[in-house]
Amino acid sequence: MPTVVRVGKFRFHFYSNAGDEPPHIHVRSPEGQCKFWLDPVELARNNGIVASEVRTIERLVFKHRELLLEEYREFHGVWLPPIH
């Protein structure tokens, strides 16, 4: 599971077995982990991260979205349409 971005205590990463799911990113912190869809950005799952930190992570996903989508495409070998 390659790390794409680290911001403070948050580690943004992929799993190799993403299956047929839409583009997404997993985020781990000492408190737990969550998963965000990337297009559109939306919380998919949360396990143990408090709401205020989920909002912080969401802002970081928006901030790094282009990089995350590019890395997702390269890692999983899929074509994704350009971001609008």
Foldseek 3Di string as FASTA:
>chain_A
DDFQDDDPQKTWADDQPPDPDAQKIKIAGPQFIWIFHLVPTDTDGTDGDDPVVVVVVSVVCVVCSVSSVVVSCVSNVHDDDDDD
